Structures are given as structure tokens and as C-alpha cells.
Amino acid sequence: MNCLRHLSRFLAIAAVIGTATSCGDVVRNGRAPSYLVIDSLGGIRGAVTTLTATSTLISDVITNVTSPLPCSTDAPCPTIFGDSGQAVMHIAMKDPGTAAAPSAATEVNAITITRYRVDYIRADGRNTPGVDVPYGFDGATTVTVTTGATTFGFQLVRVVAKEEAPLVQLRISNSFITAIARVTFYGHDQAGNEVTATGTIQIDFGNYGDF
């Protein structure tokens, strides 16, 4: 009898733990019925005139500008430019419905992104900010994503990052740093449910030839 009571108590505790774990997963995954899909994440090199995003960003740590005056070909002005990012996203429903009756998103399912976080890592595991990679940072943006493709820009590499280690050392060396930028977007649907989505893009830092 005692064994049965202990067994029953163990099964009850296990059930509670299982339920709590399940609820925790739901909380981590978010309560919003819709979610963000990142179609693409690109980078735009600073100082370029064409705003075409590329899947790998070539980030120049310093650029010799020849105009306007007093900058010239004979006396270029060393200038630092930040690099931009470009994201293309849309939303989808967690419950897709059925083939005969697919779920349709409404205005309340649209997701408004209000901020983002950029962190840099390296494939070799040397990830100390300010030593191996630039410092991560938080940025702000406001864009509402719907079922259609939504394109928006954000800051991917700050100017100040190119004035700090380890990027500042690249100005006078022939070496390069390849990093992966991990960008996490934070937002909420129109009912206030929080939503996040994360994408990555490769960045090759160095002192490249100027345009």
C-alpha cells in the first residue's frame, strides 16, 4: 500500500513538472498567434552610392574620400563610415489551418518591430568584445511587418566600432577579421504579445581599396 501511495505521489509530481515545462516552452516561444519570418538579411557598405544589399558585407574600416573640397585626389581625407543592414520579413500564422480552410492573418496579427540587438561572433570561438570582435549594441527602429514582404534598414556596424579595438588596428595592417553578426529583432503584435526573430550575416572587416 505504501509503495502504491509513493508511486502515485511520484506520478503526480512528474505530471506537474511536465506541465510546468510545457508552459515554459510556450512562454519562451511567445503567445502571439503570428510570428516573424526573415526572408533575407543583407549588408550595405558605408560610403557607397548604390544601396544594394549583399549577403556578405565587405566593411571598410577607413575610406579615403577625394571630394568635396578640401578633400582631393592629391590630399584625400581619411573618413570612417558606418555600415547599414537591410532586412526583408513577413509574418506567418502559427496555426496554418487546413488546405481547405487556411488561417488568414488580420490586422491584429501584424507585428511591429521596435528595437534590435547586434552581437558579433567568430567561427574560431574567439568572441571577446573589444579584443576579437566589436562590441555588441542595441538599436531602435519602428516598422510594422504584415503578410507581404516588408523591407527596412537598420545600423549593422557603428562608426564608433571602427574607432575601437579590434577594428582600429586594421587601418595599418594587411589583416582581416571575419565575423558573424547575429541580429535579433524585438517587437509585438497589435494585441501586445511579444515576438522575436534572429538572423545572421557574415562581415569581412579590413582596410579595402577605395572607390
N, C-alpha and C. Protein backbone atom coordinates (compact mmCIF):
# COMPACT_ATOMS: atom_id res chain seq x y z
N MET A 1 0.84 -1.20 0.00
CA MET A 1 0.00 0.00 0.00
C MET A 1 0.87 1.25 0.00
N ASN A 2 1.93 1.25 0.87
CA ASN A 2 2.82 2.40 0.92
C ASN A 2 3.51 2.62 -0.42
N CYS A 3 3.88 1.52 -1.07
CA CYS A 3 4.53 1.63 -2.38
C CYS A 3 3.61 2.28 -3.40
N LEU A 4 2.33 1.89 -3.34
CA LEU A 4 1.36 2.47 -4.27
C LEU A 4 1.19 3.95 -4.02
N ARG A 5 1.15 4.33 -2.72
CA ARG A 5 0.99 5.75 -2.40
C ARG A 5 2.20 6.53 -2.90
N HIS A 6 3.42 5.99 -2.70
CA HIS A 6 4.63 6.67 -3.16
C HIS A 6 4.64 6.78 -4.69
N LEU A 7 4.20 5.70 -5.35
CA LEU A 7 4.16 5.72 -6.81
C LEU A 7 3.18 6.76 -7.32
N SER A 8 2.01 6.83 -6.67
CA SER A 8 1.01 7.82 -7.07
C SER A 8 1.53 9.23 -6.88
N ARG A 9 2.22 9.45 -5.74
CA ARG A 9 2.76 10.78 -5.47
C ARG A 9 3.84 11.14 -6.49
N PHE A 10 4.69 10.17 -6.86
CA PHE A 10 5.74 10.42 -7.84
C PHE A 10 5.15 10.78 -9.20
N LEU A 11 4.10 10.03 -9.59
CA LEU A 11 3.48 10.31 -10.90
C LEU A 11 2.82 11.68 -10.90
N ALA A 12 2.24 12.07 -9.77
CA ALA A 12 1.60 13.39 -9.69
C ALA A 12 2.64 14.50 -9.81
N ILE A 13 3.79 14.34 -9.12
CA ILE A 13 4.85 15.35 -9.20
C ILE A 13 5.40 15.43 -10.61
N ALA A 14 5.59 14.25 -11.24
CA ALA A 14 6.10 14.23 -12.61
C ALA A 14 5.16 14.94 -13.56
N ALA A 15 3.86 14.76 -13.32
CA ALA A 15 2.87 15.41 -14.19
C ALA A 15 2.95 16.92 -14.04
N VAL A 16 3.11 17.39 -12.78
CA VAL A 16 3.22 18.82 -12.54
C VAL A 16 4.46 19.39 -13.20
N ILE A 17 5.59 18.66 -13.05
CA ILE A 17 6.83 19.11 -13.69
C ILE A 17 6.68 19.16 -15.20
N GLY A 18 6.06 18.13 -15.77
CA GLY A 18 5.84 18.10 -17.22
C GLY A 18 4.98 19.26 -17.67
N THR A 19 3.94 19.57 -16.89
CA THR A 19 3.06 20.69 -17.24
C THR A 19 3.81 22.00 -17.17
N ALA A 20 4.64 22.17 -16.10
CA ALA A 20 5.39 23.41 -15.95
C ALA A 20 6.38 23.58 -17.08
N THR A 21 7.02 22.48 -17.48
CA THR A 21 7.97 22.56 -18.60
C THR A 21 7.26 22.94 -19.88
N SER A 22 6.11 22.36 -20.11
CA SER A 22 5.34 22.68 -21.30
C SER A 22 4.95 24.15 -21.32
N CYS A 23 4.48 24.67 -20.17
CA CYS A 23 4.10 26.08 -20.10
C CYS A 23 5.32 26.97 -20.35
N GLY A 24 6.48 26.54 -19.81
CA GLY A 24 7.69 27.32 -20.03
C GLY A 24 8.05 27.42 -21.49
N ASP A 25 7.89 26.32 -22.23
CA ASP A 25 8.17 26.33 -23.66
C ASP A 25 7.24 27.30 -24.38
N VAL A 26 5.99 27.31 -23.97
CA VAL A 26 5.02 28.21 -24.59
C VAL A 26 5.41 29.65 -24.35
N VAL A 27 5.84 29.95 -23.11
CA VAL A 27 6.24 31.31 -22.79
C VAL A 27 7.45 31.72 -23.60
N ARG A 28 8.45 30.81 -23.73
CA ARG A 28 9.65 31.14 -24.48
C ARG A 28 9.34 31.33 -25.96
N ASN A 29 8.42 30.56 -26.48
CA ASN A 29 8.08 30.67 -27.89
C ASN A 29 7.17 31.85 -28.18
N GLY A 30 6.61 32.45 -27.16
CA GLY A 30 5.74 33.60 -27.34
C GLY A 30 4.28 33.20 -27.44
N ARG A 31 3.42 34.13 -27.07
CA ARG A 31 1.98 33.88 -27.07
C ARG A 31 1.28 34.41 -28.31
N ALA A 32 2.00 35.15 -29.13
CA ALA A 32 1.39 35.71 -30.33
C ALA A 32 0.99 34.60 -31.30
N PRO A 33 -0.17 34.70 -31.93
CA PRO A 33 -0.57 33.68 -32.92
C PRO A 33 0.20 33.78 -34.23
N SER A 34 0.90 34.91 -34.44
CA SER A 34 1.71 35.08 -35.65
C SER A 34 3.17 35.15 -35.26
N TYR A 35 4.06 34.95 -36.24
CA TYR A 35 5.50 35.02 -35.97
C TYR A 35 6.20 35.65 -37.16
N LEU A 36 7.45 36.11 -36.93
CA LEU A 36 8.24 36.76 -37.96
C LEU A 36 9.04 35.74 -38.76
N VAL A 37 9.06 35.90 -40.07
CA VAL A 37 9.90 35.11 -40.96
C VAL A 37 10.89 36.06 -41.61
N ILE A 38 12.19 35.82 -41.41
CA ILE A 38 13.21 36.65 -42.05
C ILE A 38 13.52 36.06 -43.42
N ASP A 39 13.10 36.74 -44.46
CA ASP A 39 13.33 36.28 -45.83
C ASP A 39 14.80 36.46 -46.22
N SER A 40 15.38 37.57 -45.84
CA SER A 40 16.80 37.81 -46.13
C SER A 40 17.34 38.87 -45.19
N LEU A 41 18.66 38.79 -45.00
CA LEU A 41 19.36 39.76 -44.17
C LEU A 41 20.63 40.13 -44.93
N GLY A 42 20.76 41.40 -45.29
CA GLY A 42 21.89 41.84 -46.09
C GLY A 42 22.61 43.02 -45.47
N GLY A 43 23.77 43.36 -46.05
CA GLY A 43 24.55 44.49 -45.57
C GLY A 43 24.87 45.44 -46.71
N ILE A 44 25.01 46.73 -46.37
CA ILE A 44 25.33 47.77 -47.36
C ILE A 44 26.60 48.49 -46.89
N ARG A 45 27.64 48.41 -47.67
CA ARG A 45 28.92 49.03 -47.31
C ARG A 45 28.80 50.54 -47.21
N GLY A 46 29.35 51.10 -46.15
CA GLY A 46 29.31 52.55 -45.98
C GLY A 46 30.08 53.26 -47.08
N ALA A 47 29.65 54.46 -47.41
CA ALA A 47 30.29 55.34 -48.41
C ALA A 47 29.94 54.98 -49.85
N VAL A 48 29.22 53.90 -50.09
CA VAL A 48 28.85 53.59 -51.47
C VAL A 48 27.63 54.38 -51.86
N THR A 49 27.48 54.63 -53.15
CA THR A 49 26.34 55.40 -53.63
C THR A 49 25.15 54.52 -53.98
N THR A 50 25.42 53.28 -54.37
CA THR A 50 24.33 52.35 -54.68
C THR A 50 23.96 51.59 -53.41
N LEU A 51 22.67 51.55 -53.10
CA LEU A 51 22.21 50.94 -51.87
C LEU A 51 21.76 49.50 -52.11
N THR A 52 22.64 48.70 -52.69
CA THR A 52 22.34 47.31 -52.96
C THR A 52 22.87 46.44 -51.83
N ALA A 53 21.99 45.74 -51.16
CA ALA A 53 22.40 44.89 -50.05
C ALA A 53 23.01 43.60 -50.57
N THR A 54 24.04 43.11 -49.88
CA THR A 54 24.70 41.86 -50.24
C THR A 54 24.63 40.89 -49.07
N SER A 55 24.70 39.60 -49.37
CA SER A 55 24.57 38.59 -48.32
C SER A 55 25.81 38.52 -47.42
N THR A 56 26.97 38.97 -47.95
CA THR A 56 28.19 39.12 -47.16
C THR A 56 28.62 40.58 -47.23
N LEU A 57 28.81 41.21 -46.08
CA LEU A 57 29.16 42.62 -46.05
C LEU A 57 30.68 42.80 -46.06
N ILE A 58 31.19 43.59 -47.01
CA ILE A 58 32.59 44.00 -47.03
C ILE A 58 32.66 45.33 -46.30
N SER A 59 33.20 45.32 -45.09
CA SER A 59 33.21 46.51 -44.24
C SER A 59 34.59 47.14 -44.23
N ASP A 60 34.69 48.34 -44.81
CA ASP A 60 35.96 49.07 -44.87
C ASP A 60 36.14 49.87 -43.58
N VAL A 61 37.27 49.68 -42.90
CA VAL A 61 37.47 50.33 -41.61
C VAL A 61 37.82 51.81 -41.76
N ILE A 62 38.34 52.20 -42.94
CA ILE A 62 38.61 53.61 -43.21
C ILE A 62 38.60 53.83 -44.72
N THR A 63 38.04 54.97 -45.14
CA THR A 63 37.89 55.26 -46.56
C THR A 63 38.53 56.61 -46.86
N ASN A 64 39.36 56.67 -47.89
CA ASN A 64 39.97 57.93 -48.32
C ASN A 64 39.03 58.65 -49.29
N VAL A 65 38.43 59.72 -48.81
CA VAL A 65 37.46 60.47 -49.58
C VAL A 65 38.17 61.57 -50.37
N THR A 66 37.84 61.71 -51.65
CA THR A 66 38.52 62.70 -52.52
C THR A 66 37.65 63.92 -52.83
N SER A 67 36.43 63.95 -52.32
CA SER A 67 35.54 65.10 -52.51
C SER A 67 34.51 65.09 -51.38
N PRO A 68 33.92 66.26 -51.07
CA PRO A 68 34.18 67.59 -51.62
C PRO A 68 35.45 68.21 -51.03
N LEU A 69 35.78 69.40 -51.53
CA LEU A 69 36.93 70.13 -51.02
C LEU A 69 36.76 70.38 -49.52
N PRO A 70 37.83 70.35 -48.75
CA PRO A 70 39.24 70.37 -49.18
C PRO A 70 39.81 69.00 -49.55
N CYS A 71 38.99 67.96 -49.56
CA CYS A 71 39.47 66.63 -49.94
C CYS A 71 39.69 66.59 -51.45
N SER A 72 40.77 65.93 -51.86
CA SER A 72 41.07 65.84 -53.29
C SER A 72 41.84 64.55 -53.53
N THR A 73 42.11 64.28 -54.80
CA THR A 73 42.87 63.08 -55.15
C THR A 73 44.28 63.15 -54.59
N ASP A 74 44.85 64.35 -54.59
CA ASP A 74 46.21 64.52 -54.08
C ASP A 74 46.24 64.56 -52.55
N ALA A 75 45.14 64.98 -51.95
CA ALA A 75 45.07 65.08 -50.49
C ALA A 75 43.74 64.50 -50.00
N PRO A 76 43.60 63.17 -50.07
CA PRO A 76 42.34 62.55 -49.65
C PRO A 76 42.13 62.68 -48.14
N CYS A 77 40.88 62.63 -47.74
CA CYS A 77 40.52 62.75 -46.33
C CYS A 77 40.15 61.37 -45.79
N PRO A 78 40.94 60.81 -44.87
CA PRO A 78 40.57 59.53 -44.25
C PRO A 78 39.28 59.69 -43.45
N THR A 79 38.27 58.90 -43.80
CA THR A 79 36.93 59.06 -43.21
C THR A 79 36.38 57.70 -42.80
N ILE A 80 35.63 57.72 -41.71
CA ILE A 80 35.02 56.48 -41.22
C ILE A 80 33.53 56.52 -41.52
N PHE A 81 33.04 55.43 -42.09
CA PHE A 81 31.62 55.29 -42.38
C PHE A 81 31.07 54.06 -41.67
N GLY A 82 29.88 54.19 -41.13
CA GLY A 82 29.18 53.03 -40.60
C GLY A 82 28.57 52.22 -41.74
N ASP A 83 28.17 51.01 -41.45
CA ASP A 83 27.56 50.14 -42.45
C ASP A 83 26.12 49.86 -42.08
N SER A 84 25.27 49.80 -43.08
CA SER A 84 23.84 49.58 -42.87
C SER A 84 23.47 48.12 -43.10
N GLY A 85 22.39 47.72 -42.49
CA GLY A 85 21.82 46.41 -42.73
C GLY A 85 20.46 46.57 -43.39
N GLN A 86 20.03 45.55 -44.08
CA GLN A 86 18.70 45.56 -44.70
C GLN A 86 18.03 44.22 -44.46
N ALA A 87 16.84 44.26 -43.89
CA ALA A 87 16.08 43.04 -43.61
C ALA A 87 14.81 43.01 -44.45
N VAL A 88 14.46 41.83 -44.91
CA VAL A 88 13.20 41.59 -45.60
C VAL A 88 12.44 40.54 -44.80
N MET A 89 11.24 40.88 -44.35
CA MET A 89 10.47 39.98 -43.49
C MET A 89 9.01 39.93 -43.91
N HIS A 90 8.37 38.88 -43.43
CA HIS A 90 6.91 38.81 -43.49
C HIS A 90 6.44 38.02 -42.28
N ILE A 91 5.14 38.04 -42.03
CA ILE A 91 4.60 37.27 -40.91
C ILE A 91 3.88 36.03 -41.43
N ALA A 92 3.79 35.05 -40.57
CA ALA A 92 3.03 33.84 -40.86
C ALA A 92 2.28 33.45 -39.59
N MET A 93 1.26 32.62 -39.74
CA MET A 93 0.45 32.19 -38.61
C MET A 93 1.00 30.89 -38.05
N LYS A 94 1.03 30.78 -36.71
CA LYS A 94 1.47 29.54 -36.08
C LYS A 94 0.52 28.39 -36.40
N ASP A 95 -0.76 28.69 -36.47
CA ASP A 95 -1.75 27.70 -36.86
C ASP A 95 -2.10 27.94 -38.32
N PRO A 96 -1.56 27.15 -39.23
CA PRO A 96 -1.79 27.41 -40.65
C PRO A 96 -3.19 27.05 -41.13
N GLY A 97 -3.95 26.34 -40.27
CA GLY A 97 -5.27 25.88 -40.69
C GLY A 97 -5.16 24.64 -41.54
N THR A 98 -6.08 24.48 -42.44
CA THR A 98 -6.08 23.33 -43.34
C THR A 98 -6.00 23.80 -44.78
N ALA A 99 -5.79 22.86 -45.68
CA ALA A 99 -5.73 23.21 -47.10
C ALA A 99 -7.06 23.78 -47.56
N ALA A 100 -8.15 23.26 -47.01
CA ALA A 100 -9.47 23.76 -47.40
C ALA A 100 -9.80 25.08 -46.73
N ALA A 101 -9.26 25.27 -45.52
CA ALA A 101 -9.55 26.49 -44.78
C ALA A 101 -8.29 27.01 -44.10
N PRO A 102 -7.37 27.60 -44.89
CA PRO A 102 -6.12 28.10 -44.30
C PRO A 102 -6.39 29.31 -43.40
N SER A 103 -5.56 29.47 -42.38
CA SER A 103 -5.71 30.61 -41.47
C SER A 103 -5.32 31.89 -42.21
N ALA A 104 -6.08 32.92 -41.99
CA ALA A 104 -5.82 34.21 -42.62
C ALA A 104 -5.44 35.22 -41.55
N ALA A 105 -4.31 35.92 -41.76
CA ALA A 105 -3.87 36.93 -40.80
C ALA A 105 -4.77 38.15 -40.89
N THR A 106 -4.99 38.79 -39.75
CA THR A 106 -5.77 40.03 -39.70
C THR A 106 -4.84 41.16 -39.25
N GLU A 107 -5.39 42.36 -39.12
CA GLU A 107 -4.57 43.50 -38.72
C GLU A 107 -3.96 43.29 -37.34
N VAL A 108 -4.65 42.59 -36.47
CA VAL A 108 -4.14 42.39 -35.12
C VAL A 108 -2.92 41.48 -35.12
N ASN A 109 -2.73 40.69 -36.18
CA ASN A 109 -1.59 39.78 -36.27
C ASN A 109 -0.34 40.45 -36.81
N ALA A 110 -0.47 41.66 -37.35
CA ALA A 110 0.71 42.38 -37.83
C ALA A 110 1.66 42.62 -36.66
N ILE A 111 2.95 42.54 -36.92
CA ILE A 111 3.96 42.66 -35.86
C ILE A 111 4.77 43.93 -36.07
N THR A 112 4.84 44.76 -35.03
CA THR A 112 5.60 45.99 -35.07
C THR A 112 6.93 45.78 -34.37
N ILE A 113 8.03 45.95 -35.11
CA ILE A 113 9.37 45.84 -34.55
C ILE A 113 9.77 47.19 -33.99
N THR A 114 10.28 47.19 -32.75
CA THR A 114 10.63 48.46 -32.10
C THR A 114 12.11 48.57 -31.74
N ARG A 115 12.83 47.47 -31.70
CA ARG A 115 14.26 47.54 -31.39
C ARG A 115 14.96 46.29 -31.90
N TYR A 116 16.28 46.34 -31.87
CA TYR A 116 17.07 45.20 -32.32
C TYR A 116 18.38 45.16 -31.55
N ARG A 117 19.03 44.01 -31.58
CA ARG A 117 20.31 43.80 -30.91
C ARG A 117 21.27 43.16 -31.89
N VAL A 118 22.50 43.73 -31.99
CA VAL A 118 23.53 43.17 -32.86
C VAL A 118 24.68 42.67 -31.99
N ASP A 119 25.04 41.41 -32.14
CA ASP A 119 26.20 40.82 -31.48
C ASP A 119 27.10 40.19 -32.54
N TYR A 120 28.41 40.25 -32.31
CA TYR A 120 29.37 39.71 -33.26
C TYR A 120 30.06 38.49 -32.67
N ILE A 121 30.20 37.45 -33.47
CA ILE A 121 30.89 36.24 -33.04
C ILE A 121 31.84 35.81 -34.16
N ARG A 122 32.75 34.90 -33.82
CA ARG A 122 33.68 34.35 -34.80
C ARG A 122 33.60 32.84 -34.80
N ALA A 123 33.86 32.25 -35.97
CA ALA A 123 33.76 30.80 -36.10
C ALA A 123 34.83 30.08 -35.30
N ASP A 124 35.95 30.76 -35.02
CA ASP A 124 37.02 30.11 -34.27
C ASP A 124 36.82 30.17 -32.77
N GLY A 125 35.70 30.76 -32.32
CA GLY A 125 35.38 30.81 -30.90
C GLY A 125 36.02 31.95 -30.15
N ARG A 126 36.81 32.79 -30.81
CA ARG A 126 37.41 33.96 -30.16
C ARG A 126 36.42 35.11 -30.25
N ASN A 127 35.64 35.27 -29.20
CA ASN A 127 34.48 36.16 -29.24
C ASN A 127 34.50 37.26 -28.19
N THR A 128 35.68 37.61 -27.66
CA THR A 128 35.73 38.64 -26.63
C THR A 128 35.50 40.01 -27.25
N PRO A 129 34.42 40.72 -26.85
CA PRO A 129 34.16 42.06 -27.41
C PRO A 129 35.29 43.03 -27.07
N GLY A 130 35.69 43.84 -28.03
CA GLY A 130 36.76 44.80 -27.83
C GLY A 130 38.14 44.21 -27.97
N VAL A 131 38.23 42.90 -28.16
CA VAL A 131 39.52 42.22 -28.36
C VAL A 131 39.50 41.44 -29.67
N ASP A 132 38.52 40.56 -29.82
CA ASP A 132 38.41 39.72 -31.01
C ASP A 132 37.35 40.21 -31.99
N VAL A 133 36.30 40.81 -31.46
CA VAL A 133 35.18 41.29 -32.26
C VAL A 133 34.72 42.64 -31.71
N PRO A 134 33.98 43.42 -32.50
CA PRO A 134 33.44 44.67 -31.98
C PRO A 134 32.42 44.42 -30.86
N TYR A 135 32.18 45.46 -30.08
CA TYR A 135 31.17 45.37 -29.04
C TYR A 135 29.78 45.28 -29.66
N GLY A 136 28.90 44.49 -29.04
CA GLY A 136 27.51 44.44 -29.46
C GLY A 136 26.80 45.72 -29.05
N PHE A 137 25.65 45.94 -29.62
CA PHE A 137 24.90 47.16 -29.30
C PHE A 137 23.41 46.95 -29.54
N ASP A 138 22.61 47.84 -28.96
CA ASP A 138 21.17 47.85 -29.16
C ASP A 138 20.79 49.04 -30.02
N GLY A 139 19.83 48.85 -30.90
CA GLY A 139 19.35 49.93 -31.75
C GLY A 139 17.84 49.98 -31.74
N ALA A 140 17.32 51.10 -32.22
CA ALA A 140 15.87 51.29 -32.25
C ALA A 140 15.40 51.47 -33.68
N THR A 141 14.24 50.94 -33.96
CA THR A 141 13.60 51.13 -35.26
C THR A 141 12.11 50.90 -35.06
N THR A 142 11.31 51.41 -35.96
CA THR A 142 9.87 51.18 -35.89
C THR A 142 9.37 50.82 -37.28
N VAL A 143 8.92 49.59 -37.42
CA VAL A 143 8.39 49.13 -38.70
C VAL A 143 7.37 48.04 -38.42
N THR A 144 6.27 48.06 -39.14
CA THR A 144 5.23 47.06 -38.96
C THR A 144 5.27 46.07 -40.11
N VAL A 145 5.36 44.80 -39.76
CA VAL A 145 5.50 43.73 -40.75
C VAL A 145 4.17 43.02 -40.91
N THR A 146 3.75 42.81 -42.16
CA THR A 146 2.50 42.13 -42.47
C THR A 146 2.80 40.86 -43.27
N THR A 147 1.79 40.31 -43.90
CA THR A 147 1.99 39.08 -44.68
C THR A 147 2.79 39.33 -45.95
N GLY A 148 2.78 40.56 -46.44
CA GLY A 148 3.59 40.88 -47.61
C GLY A 148 5.03 41.14 -47.21
N ALA A 149 5.95 41.03 -48.17
CA ALA A 149 7.36 41.28 -47.88
C ALA A 149 7.57 42.72 -47.45
N THR A 150 8.17 42.90 -46.29
CA THR A 150 8.44 44.23 -45.74
C THR A 150 9.95 44.42 -45.66
N THR A 151 10.46 45.47 -46.31
CA THR A 151 11.89 45.75 -46.35
C THR A 151 12.19 46.99 -45.52
N PHE A 152 13.21 46.90 -44.68
CA PHE A 152 13.60 48.07 -43.88
C PHE A 152 15.08 48.01 -43.56
N GLY A 153 15.64 49.16 -43.24
CA GLY A 153 17.06 49.25 -42.95
C GLY A 153 17.32 49.44 -41.46
N PHE A 154 18.55 49.17 -41.06
CA PHE A 154 18.98 49.35 -39.68
C PHE A 154 20.50 49.48 -39.67
N GLN A 155 21.05 49.85 -38.54
CA GLN A 155 22.50 50.00 -38.43
C GLN A 155 23.13 48.66 -38.09
N LEU A 156 24.09 48.24 -38.92
CA LEU A 156 24.72 46.94 -38.72
C LEU A 156 26.11 47.07 -38.09
N VAL A 157 26.86 48.08 -38.50
CA VAL A 157 28.18 48.37 -37.91
C VAL A 157 28.23 49.86 -37.61
N ARG A 158 28.48 50.21 -36.36
CA ARG A 158 28.53 51.61 -35.97
C ARG A 158 29.88 52.24 -36.31
N VAL A 159 29.86 53.56 -36.48
CA VAL A 159 31.11 54.29 -36.73
C VAL A 159 32.06 54.11 -35.56
N VAL A 160 31.54 54.16 -34.34
CA VAL A 160 32.40 54.06 -33.16
C VAL A 160 33.12 52.71 -33.10
N ALA A 161 32.52 51.67 -33.68
CA ALA A 161 33.17 50.35 -33.67
C ALA A 161 34.47 50.37 -34.46
N LYS A 162 34.55 51.23 -35.48
CA LYS A 162 35.76 51.31 -36.30
C LYS A 162 36.82 52.21 -35.68
N GLU A 163 36.47 52.83 -34.56
CA GLU A 163 37.43 53.64 -33.81
C GLU A 163 37.93 52.91 -32.57
N GLU A 164 37.46 51.70 -32.38
CA GLU A 164 37.83 50.91 -31.21
C GLU A 164 38.49 49.60 -31.66
N ALA A 165 39.20 48.98 -30.71
CA ALA A 165 39.76 47.65 -30.96
C ALA A 165 38.60 46.65 -31.11
N PRO A 166 38.76 45.67 -31.98
CA PRO A 166 39.95 45.32 -32.76
C PRO A 166 40.00 45.94 -34.16
N LEU A 167 38.95 46.69 -34.54
CA LEU A 167 38.88 47.17 -35.92
C LEU A 167 39.87 48.29 -36.20
N VAL A 168 40.15 49.13 -35.19
CA VAL A 168 41.03 50.27 -35.44
C VAL A 168 42.43 49.80 -35.85
N GLN A 169 42.85 48.65 -35.37
CA GLN A 169 44.18 48.13 -35.73
C GLN A 169 44.28 47.72 -37.20
N LEU A 170 43.13 47.46 -37.81
CA LEU A 170 43.13 47.01 -39.21
C LEU A 170 43.49 48.13 -40.18
N ARG A 171 43.46 49.38 -39.71
CA ARG A 171 43.78 50.51 -40.60
C ARG A 171 45.22 50.43 -41.11
N ILE A 172 46.13 49.94 -40.27
CA ILE A 172 47.55 49.96 -40.62
C ILE A 172 48.11 48.54 -40.79
N SER A 173 47.24 47.60 -41.01
CA SER A 173 47.69 46.22 -41.21
C SER A 173 47.06 45.64 -42.46
N ASN A 174 47.62 44.53 -42.89
CA ASN A 174 47.07 43.84 -44.07
C ASN A 174 46.18 42.67 -43.66
N SER A 175 45.80 42.62 -42.42
CA SER A 175 44.98 41.51 -41.92
C SER A 175 43.49 41.85 -42.02
N PHE A 176 42.68 40.82 -41.83
CA PHE A 176 41.24 40.96 -41.91
C PHE A 176 40.60 40.21 -40.74
N ILE A 177 39.40 40.59 -40.42
CA ILE A 177 38.62 39.89 -39.40
C ILE A 177 37.29 39.48 -40.02
N THR A 178 37.02 38.20 -40.00
CA THR A 178 35.73 37.70 -40.47
C THR A 178 34.87 37.39 -39.25
N ALA A 179 33.73 38.02 -39.19
CA ALA A 179 32.82 37.83 -38.06
C ALA A 179 31.43 37.54 -38.58
N ILE A 180 30.61 37.01 -37.70
CA ILE A 180 29.19 36.79 -38.00
C ILE A 180 28.39 37.71 -37.10
N ALA A 181 27.58 38.53 -37.71
CA ALA A 181 26.70 39.41 -36.95
C ALA A 181 25.39 38.68 -36.70
N ARG A 182 25.05 38.55 -35.43
CA ARG A 182 23.78 37.91 -35.06
C ARG A 182 22.82 39.04 -34.67
N VAL A 183 21.76 39.20 -35.46
CA VAL A 183 20.83 40.31 -35.28
C VAL A 183 19.50 39.76 -34.77
N THR A 184 19.08 40.23 -33.61
CA THR A 184 17.81 39.82 -33.03
C THR A 184 16.86 41.00 -33.03
N PHE A 185 15.69 40.79 -33.62
CA PHE A 185 14.67 41.83 -33.70
C PHE A 185 13.60 41.56 -32.64
N TYR A 186 13.17 42.63 -31.98
CA TYR A 186 12.16 42.53 -30.93
C TYR A 186 10.95 43.37 -31.31
N GLY A 187 9.78 42.79 -31.12
CA GLY A 187 8.57 43.53 -31.44
C GLY A 187 7.37 42.93 -30.74
N HIS A 188 6.19 43.31 -31.21
CA HIS A 188 4.94 42.82 -30.62
C HIS A 188 3.84 42.87 -31.66
N ASP A 189 2.87 41.99 -31.53
CA ASP A 189 1.72 42.09 -32.42
C ASP A 189 0.80 43.19 -31.90
N GLN A 190 -0.30 43.42 -32.59
CA GLN A 190 -1.16 44.55 -32.25
C GLN A 190 -2.01 44.30 -31.01
N ALA A 191 -1.90 43.08 -30.45
CA ALA A 191 -2.56 42.78 -29.18
C ALA A 191 -1.58 42.88 -28.01
N GLY A 192 -0.32 43.21 -28.33
CA GLY A 192 0.67 43.38 -27.28
C GLY A 192 1.51 42.16 -26.98
N ASN A 193 1.33 41.06 -27.70
CA ASN A 193 2.14 39.86 -27.48
C ASN A 193 3.54 40.06 -28.04
N GLU A 194 4.56 39.76 -27.24
CA GLU A 194 5.94 39.97 -27.65
C GLU A 194 6.41 38.91 -28.65
N VAL A 195 7.23 39.36 -29.60
CA VAL A 195 7.73 38.48 -30.66
C VAL A 195 9.21 38.80 -30.89
N THR A 196 10.03 37.79 -31.15
CA THR A 196 11.42 37.99 -31.52
C THR A 196 11.77 37.12 -32.73
N ALA A 197 12.79 37.54 -33.45
CA ALA A 197 13.31 36.75 -34.57
C ALA A 197 14.79 37.08 -34.72
N THR A 198 15.60 36.08 -35.08
CA THR A 198 17.05 36.26 -35.17
C THR A 198 17.56 35.81 -36.53
N GLY A 199 18.44 36.61 -37.10
CA GLY A 199 19.10 36.26 -38.35
C GLY A 199 20.59 36.53 -38.24
N THR A 200 21.37 36.04 -39.19
CA THR A 200 22.82 36.23 -39.18
C THR A 200 23.32 36.66 -40.55
N ILE A 201 24.46 37.36 -40.53
CA ILE A 201 25.11 37.78 -41.78
C ILE A 201 26.61 37.82 -41.55
N GLN A 202 27.38 37.40 -42.53
CA GLN A 202 28.85 37.43 -42.43
C GLN A 202 29.36 38.82 -42.77
N ILE A 203 30.36 39.29 -41.99
CA ILE A 203 31.01 40.57 -42.23
C ILE A 203 32.51 40.35 -42.30
N ASP A 204 33.13 40.85 -43.38
CA ASP A 204 34.59 40.80 -43.54
C ASP A 204 35.13 42.20 -43.33
N PHE A 205 35.79 42.43 -42.18
CA PHE A 205 36.36 43.73 -41.85
C PHE A 205 37.79 43.82 -42.37
N GLY A 206 38.16 44.99 -42.91
CA GLY A 206 39.52 45.20 -43.36
C GLY A 206 39.69 46.59 -43.93
N ASN A 207 40.91 46.93 -44.30
CA ASN A 207 41.20 48.21 -44.96
C ASN A 207 41.26 47.95 -46.45
N TYR A 208 40.12 48.11 -47.10
CA TYR A 208 39.99 47.78 -48.52
C TYR A 208 40.31 48.98 -49.40
N GLY A 209 40.47 48.71 -50.69
CA GLY A 209 40.68 49.78 -51.64
C GLY A 209 39.45 50.66 -51.73
N ASP A 210 39.66 51.94 -51.99
CA ASP A 210 38.56 52.91 -52.03
C ASP A 210 37.98 53.01 -53.43
N PHE A 211 36.75 53.52 -53.47
CA PHE A 211 36.06 53.62 -54.76
C PHE A 211 36.59 54.82 -55.55
